[in-house]
Amino acid sequence: MKRLARLVADARVNRLRVELAASNDRARALESRLAQLQAANEAADRDLVRLTGGARFDSKQPFGSQPGEK
């Protein structure tokens, strides 16, 4: 009986190890994708700043008002 319990426990541990390895692989893939997207976002932001001169205050659109609001 102890041997059967040990086999069941070992099988469960092995199954959990496989799940953990798969989860780690997914996490690595997601981290890599996130890094790619972050780099693309930062490059696009740099391009916009270069083209438009970056963010600046619009004196005709004061803070707290909506566009078109009088």
Protein backbone atom coordinates (compact mmCIF):
# COMPACT_ATOMS: atom_id res chain seq x y z
CA MET A 1 0.00 0.00 0.00
CA LYS A 2 2.84 2.41 0.82
CA ARG A 3 4.42 1.61 -2.52
CA LEU A 4 1.20 2.50 -4.36
CA ALA A 5 0.88 5.77 -2.44
CA ARG A 6 4.49 6.57 -3.27
CA LEU A 7 3.91 5.87 -6.99
CA VAL A 8 0.84 8.12 -6.99
CA ALA A 9 2.76 10.89 -5.23
CA ASP A 10 5.69 10.54 -7.64
CA ALA A 11 3.35 10.69 -10.63
CA ARG A 12 1.75 13.83 -9.24
CA VAL A 13 5.14 15.45 -8.64
CA ASN A 14 6.23 14.61 -12.19
CA ARG A 15 3.00 16.03 -13.62
CA LEU A 16 3.51 19.23 -11.62
CA ARG A 17 7.10 19.49 -12.85
CA VAL A 18 5.88 19.27 -16.44
CA GLU A 19 3.24 21.94 -15.77
CA LEU A 20 5.83 24.19 -14.15
CA ALA A 21 8.23 23.79 -17.08
CA ALA A 22 5.43 24.66 -19.52
CA SER A 23 4.46 27.69 -17.44
CA ASN A 24 8.07 28.86 -17.34
CA ASP A 25 8.32 28.47 -21.12
CA ARG A 26 5.16 30.54 -21.60
CA ALA A 27 6.46 33.20 -19.22
CA ARG A 28 9.76 33.44 -21.13
CA ALA A 29 7.91 33.75 -24.44
CA LEU A 30 5.64 36.46 -23.03
CA GLU A 31 8.60 38.36 -21.55
CA SER A 32 10.33 38.25 -24.93
CA ARG A 33 7.21 39.48 -26.71
CA LEU A 34 6.75 42.24 -24.14
CA ALA A 35 10.34 43.38 -24.68
CA GLN A 36 9.75 43.49 -28.46
CA LEU A 37 6.55 45.47 -28.07
CA GLN A 38 8.16 47.86 -25.59
CA ALA A 39 11.05 48.49 -27.98
CA ALA A 40 8.61 49.12 -30.85
CA ASN A 41 6.55 51.47 -28.69
CA GLU A 42 9.61 53.44 -27.62
CA ALA A 43 10.83 53.67 -31.23
CA ALA A 44 7.42 54.95 -32.36
CA ASP A 45 7.43 57.48 -29.54
CA ARG A 46 10.90 58.69 -30.55
CA ASP A 47 9.72 59.02 -34.16
CA LEU A 48 6.67 61.06 -33.10
CA VAL A 49 8.80 63.35 -30.95
CA ARG A 50 11.22 63.82 -33.84
CA LEU A 51 8.36 64.61 -36.27
CA THR A 52 6.21 66.78 -34.02
CA GLY A 53 8.69 68.23 -31.56
CA GLY A 54 7.12 66.37 -28.66
CA ALA A 55 4.39 67.22 -26.22
CA ARG A 56 3.75 70.85 -25.47
CA PHE A 57 1.14 73.04 -23.83
CA ASP A 58 -1.65 74.31 -26.06
CA SER A 59 -2.64 77.76 -24.81
CA LYS A 60 -5.95 77.53 -26.70
CA GLN A 61 -6.85 74.32 -24.87
CA PRO A 62 -6.41 74.95 -21.13
CA PHE A 63 -6.29 72.08 -18.69
CA GLY A 64 -9.68 70.93 -17.44
CA SER A 65 -11.62 71.72 -20.60
CA GLN A 66 -12.74 69.46 -23.40
CA PRO A 67 -12.01 70.14 -27.06
CA GLY A 68 -14.74 72.30 -28.53
CA GLU A 69 -15.94 73.43 -25.10
CA LYS A 70 -16.44 77.17 -24.70
